[in-house]
Amino acid sequence: MVKAIILVKSPKKLIAAKLRKTPHVIDSFPTSGQFDAVAIVDVSELGQIKEVANQIQKISGVDRTETMVEVQ
């Protein structure tokens, strides 16, 4: 399994709830600071993280994302 954290910038207050509906997102919560929400992703292959990030970027109200992949 490959885990990643995707940071999301969005003016929408309920963006974390929308992120939780995305396949492979196992948790999501709002944050304070430069980014407005975090999505925790768990996939079987590294290449799937890009697919999940692309799905998140297509959500209405998402301005930008930044992805951090767990290093083992």
PDB file of N, CA and C in Angstrom:
ATOM      1  N   MET A   1       0.825  -1.185   0.000  1.00  0.00           N
ATOM      2  CA  MET A   1       0.000   0.000   0.000  1.00  0.00           C
ATOM      3  C   MET A   1       0.875   1.257   0.000  1.00  0.00           C
ATOM      4  N   VAL A   2       0.400   2.261  -0.688  1.00  0.00           N
ATOM      5  CA  VAL A   2       1.091   3.538  -0.750  1.00  0.00           C
ATOM      6  C   VAL A   2       0.163   4.583  -0.153  1.00  0.00           C
ATOM      7  N   LYS A   3       0.687   5.358   0.781  1.00  0.00           N
ATOM      8  CA  LYS A   3      -0.116   6.406   1.406  1.00  0.00           C
ATOM      9  C   LYS A   3       0.402   7.772   0.983  1.00  0.00           C
ATOM     10  N   ALA A   4      -0.520   8.727   0.926  1.00  0.00           N
ATOM     11  CA  ALA A   4      -0.157  10.093   0.586  1.00  0.00           C
ATOM     12  C   ALA A   4      -1.101  11.051   1.299  1.00  0.00           C
ATOM     13  N   ILE A   5      -0.644  12.277   1.425  1.00  0.00           N
ATOM     14  CA  ILE A   5      -1.467  13.361   1.942  1.00  0.00           C
ATOM     15  C   ILE A   5      -1.589  14.376   0.824  1.00  0.00           C
ATOM     16  N   ILE A   6      -2.819  14.775   0.546  1.00  0.00           N
ATOM     17  CA  ILE A   6      -3.053  15.803  -0.456  1.00  0.00           C
ATOM     18  C   ILE A   6      -3.619  17.021   0.259  1.00  0.00           C
ATOM     19  N   LEU A   7      -2.883  18.130   0.185  1.00  0.00           N
ATOM     20  CA  LEU A   7      -3.325  19.386   0.769  1.00  0.00           C
ATOM     21  C   LEU A   7      -4.179  20.111  -0.267  1.00  0.00           C
ATOM     22  N   VAL A   8      -5.287  20.704   0.185  1.00  0.00           N
ATOM     23  CA  VAL A   8      -6.245  21.303  -0.742  1.00  0.00           C
ATOM     24  C   VAL A   8      -6.530  22.745  -0.358  1.00  0.00           C
ATOM     25  N   LYS A   9      -6.415  23.628  -1.334  1.00  0.00           N
ATOM     26  CA  LYS A   9      -6.765  25.037  -1.171  1.00  0.00           C
ATOM     27  C   LYS A   9      -8.132  25.251  -1.800  1.00  0.00           C
ATOM     28  N   SER A  10      -9.095  25.719  -0.995  1.00  0.00           N
ATOM     29  CA  SER A  10     -10.451  25.916  -1.496  1.00  0.00           C
ATOM     30  C   SER A  10     -11.191  26.895  -0.604  1.00  0.00           C
ATOM     31  N   PRO A  11     -11.925  27.831  -1.193  1.00  0.00           N
ATOM     32  CA  PRO A  11     -12.726  28.749  -0.376  1.00  0.00           C
ATOM     33  C   PRO A  11     -14.005  28.099   0.159  1.00  0.00           C
ATOM     34  N   LYS A  12     -14.349  26.906  -0.335  1.00  0.00           N
ATOM     35  CA  LYS A  12     -15.577  26.222   0.094  1.00  0.00           C
ATOM     36  C   LYS A  12     -15.398  25.666   1.505  1.00  0.00           C
ATOM     37  N   LYS A  13     -16.357  25.949   2.381  1.00  0.00           N
ATOM     38  CA  LYS A  13     -16.260  25.515   3.769  1.00  0.00           C
ATOM     39  C   LYS A  13     -16.436  24.016   3.948  1.00  0.00           C
ATOM     40  N   LEU A  14     -17.189  23.372   3.085  1.00  0.00           N
ATOM     41  CA  LEU A  14     -17.466  21.947   3.240  1.00  0.00           C
ATOM     42  C   LEU A  14     -16.624  21.080   2.308  1.00  0.00           C
ATOM     43  N   ILE A  15     -15.464  21.582   1.894  1.00  0.00           N
ATOM     44  CA  ILE A  15     -14.640  20.835   0.938  1.00  0.00           C
ATOM     45  C   ILE A  15     -14.164  19.512   1.519  1.00  0.00           C
ATOM     46  N   ALA A  16     -13.907  19.433   2.817  1.00  0.00           N
ATOM     47  CA  ALA A  16     -13.434  18.181   3.418  1.00  0.00           C
ATOM     48  C   ALA A  16     -14.468  17.065   3.246  1.00  0.00           C
ATOM     49  N   ALA A  17     -15.743  17.400   3.361  1.00  0.00           N
ATOM     50  CA  ALA A  17     -16.799  16.393   3.172  1.00  0.00           C
ATOM     51  C   ALA A  17     -16.821  15.902   1.725  1.00  0.00           C
ATOM     52  N   LYS A  18     -16.602  16.790   0.777  1.00  0.00           N
ATOM     53  CA  LYS A  18     -16.556  16.383  -0.632  1.00  0.00           C
ATOM     54  C   LYS A  18     -15.347  15.498  -0.899  1.00  0.00           C
ATOM     55  N   LEU A  19     -14.227  15.802  -0.261  1.00  0.00           N
ATOM     56  CA  LEU A  19     -13.018  15.008  -0.456  1.00  0.00           C
ATOM     57  C   LEU A  19     -13.222  13.572   0.011  1.00  0.00           C
ATOM     58  N   ARG A  20     -13.952  13.380   1.100  1.00  0.00           N
ATOM     59  CA  ARG A  20     -14.190  12.035   1.644  1.00  0.00           C
ATOM     60  C   ARG A  20     -14.956  11.145   0.673  1.00  0.00           C
ATOM     61  N   LYS A  21     -15.678  11.733  -0.252  1.00  0.00           N
ATOM     62  CA  LYS A  21     -16.447  10.959  -1.232  1.00  0.00           C
ATOM     63  C   LYS A  21     -15.593  10.481  -2.404  1.00  0.00           C
ATOM     64  N   THR A  22     -14.350  10.932  -2.475  1.00  0.00           N
ATOM     65  CA  THR A  22     -13.450  10.557  -3.563  1.00  0.00           C
ATOM     66  C   THR A  22     -12.886   9.160  -3.306  1.00  0.00           C
ATOM     67  N   PRO A  23     -12.902   8.278  -4.302  1.00  0.00           N
ATOM     68  CA  PRO A  23     -12.336   6.942  -4.111  1.00  0.00           C
ATOM     69  C   PRO A  23     -10.879   7.000  -3.643  1.00  0.00           C
ATOM     70  N   HIS A  24     -10.524   6.139  -2.733  1.00  0.00           N
ATOM     71  CA  HIS A  24      -9.190   5.996  -2.148  1.00  0.00           C
ATOM     72  C   HIS A  24      -8.861   7.043  -1.089  1.00  0.00           C
ATOM     73  N   VAL A  25      -9.741   8.005  -0.859  1.00  0.00           N
ATOM     74  CA  VAL A  25      -9.536   8.951   0.244  1.00  0.00           C
ATOM     75  C   VAL A  25     -10.106   8.277   1.490  1.00  0.00           C
ATOM     76  N   ILE A  26      -9.221   7.965   2.447  1.00  0.00           N
ATOM     77  CA  ILE A  26      -9.661   7.239   3.640  1.00  0.00           C
ATOM     78  C   ILE A  26     -10.037   8.182   4.778  1.00  0.00           C
ATOM     79  N   ASP A  27      -9.607   9.437   4.694  1.00  0.00           N
ATOM     80  CA  ASP A  27      -9.988  10.441   5.691  1.00  0.00           C
ATOM     81  C   ASP A  27      -9.740  11.816   5.114  1.00  0.00           C
ATOM     82  N   SER A  28     -10.458  12.791   5.637  1.00  0.00           N
ATOM     83  CA  SER A  28     -10.289  14.174   5.221  1.00  0.00           C
ATOM     84  C   SER A  28     -10.790  15.068   6.339  1.00  0.00           C
ATOM     85  N   PHE A  29     -10.112  16.191   6.515  1.00  0.00           N
ATOM     86  CA  PHE A  29     -10.532  17.115   7.564  1.00  0.00           C
ATOM     87  C   PHE A  29     -10.094  18.533   7.208  1.00  0.00           C
ATOM     88  N   PRO A  30     -10.833  19.543   7.715  1.00  0.00           N
ATOM     89  CA  PRO A  30     -10.455  20.929   7.469  1.00  0.00           C
ATOM     90  C   PRO A  30      -9.225  21.300   8.294  1.00  0.00           C
ATOM     91  N   THR A  31      -8.459  22.252   7.791  1.00  0.00           N
ATOM     92  CA  THR A  31      -7.268  22.723   8.491  1.00  0.00           C
ATOM     93  C   THR A  31      -7.212  24.242   8.458  1.00  0.00           C
ATOM     94  N   SER A  32      -6.380  24.791   9.319  1.00  0.00           N
ATOM     95  CA  SER A  32      -6.117  26.231   9.268  1.00  0.00           C
ATOM     96  C   SER A  32      -4.743  26.414   8.640  1.00  0.00           C
ATOM     97  N   GLY A  33      -4.488  27.594   8.142  1.00  0.00           N
ATOM     98  CA  GLY A  33      -3.189  27.858   7.532  1.00  0.00           C
ATOM     99  C   GLY A  33      -3.302  28.052   6.032  1.00  0.00           C
ATOM    100  N   GLN A  34      -2.218  27.764   5.337  1.00  0.00           N
ATOM    101  CA  GLN A  34      -2.153  28.002   3.896  1.00  0.00           C
ATOM    102  C   GLN A  34      -3.153  27.144   3.119  1.00  0.00           C
ATOM    103  N   PHE A  35      -3.420  25.921   3.585  1.00  0.00           N
ATOM    104  CA  PHE A  35      -4.367  25.032   2.926  1.00  0.00           C
ATOM    105  C   PHE A  35      -5.617  24.887   3.781  1.00  0.00           C
ATOM    106  N   ASP A  36      -6.728  24.571   3.152  1.00  0.00           N
ATOM    107  CA  ASP A  36      -8.022  24.542   3.835  1.00  0.00           C
ATOM    108  C   ASP A  36      -8.476  23.145   4.241  1.00  0.00           C
ATOM    109  N   ALA A  37      -7.892  22.124   3.640  1.00  0.00           N
ATOM    110  CA  ALA A  37      -8.280  20.752   3.967  1.00  0.00           C
ATOM    111  C   ALA A  37      -7.152  19.801   3.618  1.00  0.00           C
ATOM    112  N   VAL A  38      -7.211  18.625   4.247  1.00  0.00           N
ATOM    113  CA  VAL A  38      -6.257  17.550   3.996  1.00  0.00           C
ATOM    114  C   VAL A  38      -7.038  16.308   3.603  1.00  0.00           C
ATOM    115  N   ALA A  39      -6.551  15.615   2.584  1.00  0.00           N
ATOM    116  CA  ALA A  39      -7.113  14.315   2.209  1.00  0.00           C
ATOM    117  C   ALA A  39      -6.019  13.274   2.406  1.00  0.00           C
ATOM    118  N   ILE A  40      -6.337  12.207   3.125  1.00  0.00           N
ATOM    119  CA  ILE A  40      -5.394  11.117   3.321  1.00  0.00           C
ATOM    120  C   ILE A  40      -5.779  10.003   2.350  1.00  0.00           C
ATOM    121  N   VAL A  41      -4.811   9.608   1.544  1.00  0.00           N
ATOM    122  CA  VAL A  41      -5.052   8.678   0.436  1.00  0.00           C
ATOM    123  C   VAL A  41      -4.303   7.369   0.690  1.00  0.00           C
ATOM    124  N   ASP A  42      -4.953   6.263   0.382  1.00  0.00           N
ATOM    125  CA  ASP A  42      -4.337   4.945   0.495  1.00  0.00           C
ATOM    126  C   ASP A  42      -4.648   4.168  -0.786  1.00  0.00           C
ATOM    127  N   VAL A  43      -3.607   3.844  -1.553  1.00  0.00           N
ATOM    128  CA  VAL A  43      -3.764   3.143  -2.825  1.00  0.00           C
ATOM    129  C   VAL A  43      -2.809   1.955  -2.878  1.00  0.00           C
ATOM    130  N   SER A  44      -3.001   1.093  -3.855  1.00  0.00           N
ATOM    131  CA  SER A  44      -2.137  -0.080  -3.962  1.00  0.00           C
ATOM    132  C   SER A  44      -0.872   0.187  -4.781  1.00  0.00           C
ATOM    133  N   GLU A  45      -0.914   1.165  -5.693  1.00  0.00           N
ATOM    134  CA  GLU A  45       0.241   1.462  -6.541  1.00  0.00           C
ATOM    135  C   GLU A  45       0.493   2.963  -6.590  1.00  0.00           C
ATOM    136  N   LEU A  46       1.751   3.335  -6.694  1.00  0.00           N
ATOM    137  CA  LEU A  46       2.150   4.737  -6.693  1.00  0.00           C
ATOM    138  C   LEU A  46       1.427   5.555  -7.764  1.00  0.00           C
ATOM    139  N   GLY A  47       1.273   5.005  -8.954  1.00  0.00           N
ATOM    140  CA  GLY A  47       0.637   5.727 -10.055  1.00  0.00           C
ATOM    141  C   GLY A  47      -0.797   6.137  -9.785  1.00  0.00           C
ATOM    142  N   GLN A  48      -1.454   5.455  -8.870  1.00  0.00           N
ATOM    143  CA  GLN A  48      -2.845   5.782  -8.558  1.00  0.00           C
ATOM    144  C   GLN A  48      -2.974   7.115  -7.805  1.00  0.00           C
ATOM    145  N   ILE A  49      -1.917   7.527  -7.153  1.00  0.00           N
ATOM    146  CA  ILE A  49      -1.982   8.793  -6.402  1.00  0.00           C
ATOM    147  C   ILE A  49      -2.247   9.956  -7.349  1.00  0.00           C
ATOM    148  N   LYS A  50      -1.617   9.940  -8.504  1.00  0.00           N
ATOM    149  CA  LYS A  50      -1.843  11.001  -9.491  1.00  0.00           C
ATOM    150  C   LYS A  50      -3.303  11.010  -9.941  1.00  0.00           C
ATOM    151  N   GLU A  51      -3.883   9.828 -10.117  1.00  0.00           N
ATOM    152  CA  GLU A  51      -5.282   9.748 -10.520  1.00  0.00           C
ATOM    153  C   GLU A  51      -6.200  10.345  -9.452  1.00  0.00           C
ATOM    154  N   VAL A  52      -5.918  10.043  -8.195  1.00  0.00           N
ATOM    155  CA  VAL A  52      -6.728  10.591  -7.109  1.00  0.00           C
ATOM    156  C   VAL A  52      -6.568  12.107  -7.045  1.00  0.00           C
ATOM    157  N   ALA A  53      -5.331  12.584  -7.173  1.00  0.00           N
ATOM    158  CA  ALA A  53      -5.091  14.034  -7.162  1.00  0.00           C
ATOM    159  C   ALA A  53      -5.838  14.723  -8.304  1.00  0.00           C
ATOM    160  N   ASN A  54      -5.850  14.104  -9.482  1.00  0.00           N
ATOM    161  CA  ASN A  54      -6.582  14.675 -10.618  1.00  0.00           C
ATOM    162  C   ASN A  54      -8.084  14.730 -10.343  1.00  0.00           C
ATOM    163  N   GLN A  55      -8.631  13.684  -9.700  1.00  0.00           N
ATOM    164  CA  GLN A  55     -10.054  13.688  -9.345  1.00  0.00           C
ATOM    165  C   GLN A  55     -10.361  14.808  -8.363  1.00  0.00           C
ATOM    166  N   ILE A  56      -9.494  15.001  -7.398  1.00  0.00           N
ATOM    167  CA  ILE A  56      -9.696  16.062  -6.403  1.00  0.00           C
ATOM    168  C   ILE A  56      -9.642  17.428  -7.065  1.00  0.00           C
ATOM    169  N   GLN A  57      -8.718  17.623  -7.997  1.00  0.00           N
ATOM    170  CA  GLN A  57      -8.597  18.910  -8.683  1.00  0.00           C
ATOM    171  C   GLN A  57      -9.830  19.240  -9.517  1.00  0.00           C
ATOM    172  N   LYS A  58     -10.599  18.236  -9.897  1.00  0.00           N
ATOM    173  CA  LYS A  58     -11.819  18.459 -10.685  1.00  0.00           C
ATOM    174  C   LYS A  58     -13.031  18.820  -9.824  1.00  0.00           C
ATOM    175  N   ILE A  59     -12.902  18.707  -8.495  1.00  0.00           N
ATOM    176  CA  ILE A  59     -14.019  19.046  -7.612  1.00  0.00           C
ATOM    177  C   ILE A  59     -14.255  20.547  -7.659  1.00  0.00           C
ATOM    178  N   SER A  60     -15.500  20.939  -7.818  1.00  0.00           N
ATOM    179  CA  SER A  60     -15.857  22.354  -7.877  1.00  0.00           C
ATOM    180  C   SER A  60     -15.381  23.071  -6.619  1.00  0.00           C
ATOM    181  N   GLY A  61     -14.655  24.153  -6.805  1.00  0.00           N
ATOM    182  CA  GLY A  61     -14.180  24.952  -5.684  1.00  0.00           C
ATOM    183  C   GLY A  61     -12.751  24.676  -5.275  1.00  0.00           C
ATOM    184  N   VAL A  62     -12.129  23.638  -5.825  1.00  0.00           N
ATOM    185  CA  VAL A  62     -10.731  23.361  -5.492  1.00  0.00           C
ATOM    186  C   VAL A  62      -9.844  24.268  -6.340  1.00  0.00           C
ATOM    187  N   ASP A  63      -9.061  25.108  -5.660  1.00  0.00           N
ATOM    188  CA  ASP A  63      -8.170  26.040  -6.361  1.00  0.00           C
ATOM    189  C   ASP A  63      -6.842  25.387  -6.729  1.00  0.00           C
ATOM    190  N   ARG A  64      -6.255  24.643  -5.776  1.00  0.00           N
ATOM    191  CA  ARG A  64      -4.987  23.976  -6.038  1.00  0.00           C
ATOM    192  C   ARG A  64      -4.753  22.886  -5.007  1.00  0.00           C
ATOM    193  N   THR A  65      -3.826  21.994  -5.322  1.00  0.00           N
ATOM    194  CA  THR A  65      -3.476  20.917  -4.404  1.00  0.00           C
ATOM    195  C   THR A  65      -1.967  20.783  -4.324  1.00  0.00           C
ATOM    196  N   GLU A  66      -1.521  20.143  -3.270  1.00  0.00           N
ATOM    197  CA  GLU A  66      -0.124  19.755  -3.132  1.00  0.00           C
ATOM    198  C   GLU A  66      -0.090  18.361  -2.537  1.00  0.00           C
ATOM    199  N   THR A  67       0.674  17.477  -3.152  1.00  0.00           N
ATOM    200  CA  THR A  67       0.684  16.080  -2.744  1.00  0.00           C
ATOM    201  C   THR A  67       2.013  15.715  -2.106  1.00  0.00           C
ATOM    202  N   MET A  68       1.925  14.990  -0.990  1.00  0.00           N
ATOM    203  CA  MET A  68       3.098  14.481  -0.308  1.00  0.00           C
ATOM    204  C   MET A  68       2.929  12.974  -0.152  1.00  0.00           C
ATOM    205  N   VAL A  69       3.875  12.216  -0.687  1.00  0.00           N
ATOM    206  CA  VAL A  69       3.811  10.760  -0.665  1.00  0.00           C
ATOM    207  C   VAL A  69       4.667  10.233   0.485  1.00  0.00           C
ATOM    208  N   GLU A  70       4.139   9.241   1.199  1.00  0.00           N
ATOM    209  CA  GLU A  70       4.884   8.625   2.283  1.00  0.00           C
ATOM    210  C   GLU A  70       6.133   7.953   1.737  1.00  0.00           C
ATOM    211  N   VAL A  71       7.258   8.159   2.398  1.00  0.00           N
ATOM    212  CA  VAL A  71       8.516   7.549   2.010  1.00  0.00           C
ATOM    213  C   VAL A  71       8.826   6.433   3.000  1.00  0.00           C
ATOM    214  N   GLN A  72       9.093   5.264   2.471  1.00  0.00           N
ATOM    215  CA  GLN A  72       9.400   4.121   3.350  1.00  0.00           C
ATOM    216  C   GLN A  72      10.798   3.638   3.147  1.00  0.00           C
TER     217      GLN A  72
END
